[in-house]
Protein backbone atom coordinates (compact mmCIF):
# COMPACT_ATOMS: atom_id res chain seq x y z
CA MET A 1 21.90 46.96 45.78
CA SER A 2 20.01 45.09 43.15
CA SER A 3 21.38 44.85 39.64
CA GLY A 4 17.97 44.23 38.10
CA PRO A 5 15.23 41.66 38.26
CA ASP A 6 16.08 38.18 39.38
CA PRO A 7 16.71 35.75 36.51
CA PRO A 8 13.84 33.39 35.82
CA ALA A 9 13.91 30.18 37.78
CA PRO A 10 14.89 27.18 35.71
CA SER A 11 12.00 25.06 34.47
CA PRO A 12 11.37 22.09 36.63
CA VAL A 13 12.80 18.98 35.09
CA HIS A 14 10.22 16.31 34.40
CA PRO A 15 11.88 12.92 34.39
CA ASP A 16 9.29 11.48 32.00
CA THR A 17 9.57 14.30 29.42
CA ASP A 18 12.57 12.76 27.70
CA ASP A 19 10.91 9.34 27.79
CA THR A 20 7.70 10.74 26.28
CA THR A 21 9.65 12.54 23.57
CA GLU A 22 11.64 9.42 22.84
CA ARG A 23 8.46 7.32 22.55
CA ALA A 24 6.91 9.90 20.23
CA SER A 25 10.04 9.85 18.07
CA GLU A 26 9.98 6.05 17.94
CA ALA A 27 6.29 6.08 16.99
CA GLN A 28 7.00 8.57 14.21
CA ALA A 29 9.91 6.46 12.98
CA ASP A 30 7.65 3.39 12.97
CA THR A 31 5.08 5.31 10.93
CA PHE A 32 7.66 6.38 8.36
CA GLN A 33 9.08 2.85 8.22
CA SER A 34 5.61 1.44 7.62
CA THR A 35 5.06 3.92 4.78
CA ARG A 36 8.39 3.01 3.17
CA GLU A 37 7.50 -0.68 3.36
CA ALA A 38 4.12 0.02 1.74
CA HIS A 39 5.84 1.92 -1.09
CA ARG A 40 8.23 -1.00 -1.65
CA SER A 41 5.39 -3.50 -1.92
CA GLU A 42 3.17 -1.20 -3.99
CA THR A 43 4.85 -2.02 -7.33
CA THR A 44 4.80 -5.73 -6.59
CA GLU A 45 1.12 -5.62 -5.70
CA ASP A 46 0.18 -3.51 -8.73
CA TYR A 47 1.96 -5.85 -11.14
CA VAL A 48 0.60 -9.04 -9.60
CA GLU A 49 -2.93 -7.63 -9.59
CA LEU A 50 -2.63 -6.49 -13.20
CA ILE A 51 -1.24 -9.86 -14.32
CA ALA A 52 -4.19 -11.59 -12.64
CA ASP A 53 -6.63 -9.22 -14.38
CA LEU A 54 -5.03 -9.83 -17.78
CA ILE A 55 -5.10 -13.60 -17.28
CA ASP A 56 -8.78 -13.41 -16.27
CA ARG A 57 -9.64 -11.33 -19.36
CA ASN A 58 -7.33 -12.82 -21.98
CA GLY A 59 -6.20 -16.16 -20.59
CA GLU A 60 -2.64 -14.85 -20.46
CA ALA A 61 -0.54 -11.81 -19.62
CA ARG A 62 2.08 -10.58 -22.06
CA PRO A 63 4.85 -8.11 -21.23
CA VAL A 64 3.75 -5.72 -23.99
CA GLU A 65 0.24 -5.53 -22.48
CA ILE A 66 1.66 -5.04 -19.00
CA ALA A 67 3.87 -2.20 -20.26
CA GLY A 68 0.93 -0.52 -21.95
CA ARG A 69 -1.34 -0.79 -18.92
CA MET A 70 1.33 0.36 -16.49
CA GLY A 71 2.53 3.18 -18.74
CA VAL A 72 6.14 2.03 -18.63
CA THR A 73 8.65 0.65 -21.12
CA GLN A 74 9.07 -3.04 -21.86
CA PRO A 75 12.59 -3.06 -20.34
CA THR A 76 11.05 -1.77 -17.10
CA VAL A 77 8.49 -4.57 -17.18
CA THR A 78 11.23 -7.12 -17.85
CA LYS A 79 13.22 -5.87 -14.85
CA ILE A 80 10.20 -6.04 -12.55
CA LEU A 81 9.12 -9.45 -13.86
CA THR A 82 12.62 -10.76 -13.17
CA ARG A 83 12.31 -9.58 -9.57
CA LEU A 84 8.80 -11.05 -9.24
CA GLN A 85 10.04 -14.36 -10.60
CA ARG A 86 12.94 -14.32 -8.14
CA GLU A 87 10.42 -13.67 -5.34
CA GLY A 88 8.37 -16.67 -6.50
CA LEU A 89 5.31 -14.67 -7.57
CA VAL A 90 5.36 -15.21 -11.35
CA ILE A 91 6.22 -18.01 -13.71
CA ARG A 92 7.67 -17.08 -17.05
CA GLN A 93 9.66 -18.55 -19.87
CA PRO A 94 11.37 -16.74 -22.73
CA TYR A 95 8.93 -15.64 -25.45
CA ARG A 96 5.96 -16.98 -23.51
CA SER A 97 3.12 -15.45 -21.50
CA ILE A 98 3.44 -14.57 -17.83
CA PHE A 99 1.54 -16.57 -15.23
CA LEU A 100 1.20 -16.27 -11.47
CA SER A 101 2.54 -18.86 -9.06
CA GLU A 102 0.28 -19.96 -6.19
CA ALA A 103 1.88 -17.29 -4.02
CA GLY A 104 1.30 -14.72 -6.76
CA GLN A 105 -2.34 -15.75 -7.10
CA ALA A 106 -2.84 -15.47 -3.34
CA LEU A 107 -1.26 -12.01 -3.29
CA ALA A 108 -3.38 -10.90 -6.26
CA GLU A 109 -6.57 -12.06 -4.53
CA ALA A 110 -5.61 -10.29 -1.30
CA CYS A 111 -4.93 -7.10 -3.29
CA ARG A 112 -8.25 -7.37 -5.11
CA GLN A 113 -10.12 -7.88 -1.85
CA ARG A 114 -8.40 -4.89 -0.23
CA HIS A 115 -9.17 -2.79 -3.31
CA ARG A 116 -12.86 -3.80 -3.26
CA ILE A 117 -13.20 -2.88 0.42
CA VAL A 118 -11.56 0.53 -0.02
CA VAL A 119 -13.70 1.33 -3.10
CA ALA A 120 -16.89 0.26 -1.32
CA PHE A 121 -15.95 2.35 1.72
CA LEU A 122 -15.30 5.46 -0.37
CA ILE A 123 -18.57 4.98 -2.26
CA ALA A 124 -20.40 4.56 1.09
CA LEU A 125 -18.97 7.97 2.04
CA GLY A 126 -20.57 9.46 -1.08
CA ILE A 127 -17.55 9.49 -3.40
CA ASP A 128 -18.43 8.82 -7.04
CA GLU A 129 -17.24 5.48 -8.42
CA PRO A 130 -14.55 6.75 -10.85
CA THR A 131 -12.98 8.86 -8.10
CA ALA A 132 -13.29 6.02 -5.57
CA GLU A 133 -11.54 3.63 -7.99
CA ARG A 134 -8.72 6.09 -8.62
CA ASP A 135 -8.25 6.99 -4.95
CA ALA A 136 -8.45 3.37 -3.81
CA GLU A 137 -5.46 2.57 -5.99
CA GLY A 138 -3.26 4.62 -3.68
CA ILE A 139 -5.01 3.99 -0.38
CA GLU A 140 -5.14 0.20 -0.71
CA HIS A 141 -1.36 -0.11 -0.41
CA HIS A 142 -1.09 1.96 2.74
CA VAL A 143 -4.13 0.97 4.79
CA SER A 144 -3.53 -1.29 7.78
CA GLU A 145 -5.47 -4.49 8.35
CA ARG A 146 -7.04 -2.88 11.40
CA THR A 147 -8.30 0.08 9.37
CA LEU A 148 -9.41 -2.20 6.54
CA ASP A 149 -11.45 -4.23 9.05
CA ALA A 150 -13.04 -0.97 10.27
CA PHE A 151 -13.88 -0.04 6.66
CA ALA A 152 -15.52 -3.44 6.17
CA ARG A 153 -17.55 -3.08 9.39
CA PHE A 154 -18.65 0.39 8.29
CA ILE A 155 -19.75 -0.92 4.89
CA GLU A 156 -21.63 -3.78 6.52
CA ALA A 157 -23.40 -1.40 8.92
CA GLN A 158 -24.39 0.84 6.01
CA ALA A 159 -25.88 -2.13 4.16
CA ARG A 160 -28.30 -2.88 7.02
């Protein structure tokens, strides 16, 4: 006598399923790690780029101007400048202007170049310039070199 339908057969075990899942998990973890690293460097890059802009415009960068442009308090600027000095990106002395070290200047130029490429790419897609400038400010910190190179190639192809 039968007590009902037979139970379903167990799913066949695929030996590579766990490996595939594990690789997908590792890839996702790498993506999140990359994003966290970009967030950590974002403040550094924004400050170094702003200091370079202020020096270009005014011949110097003062903490009060930095605070105003960044929309933060002067104590916040002081804390960040202390870290940037410790990292060898800025040169400062008490009651004096802020200047960039060679490493700071190189970082500022790399940030500017990345920003210009992202803005040009967005404009090439038909985004208006004010929106492209605003959006580039976030994108530029998270875009990989590989993607940035693709943006540059796209811009170059559009110019032909």
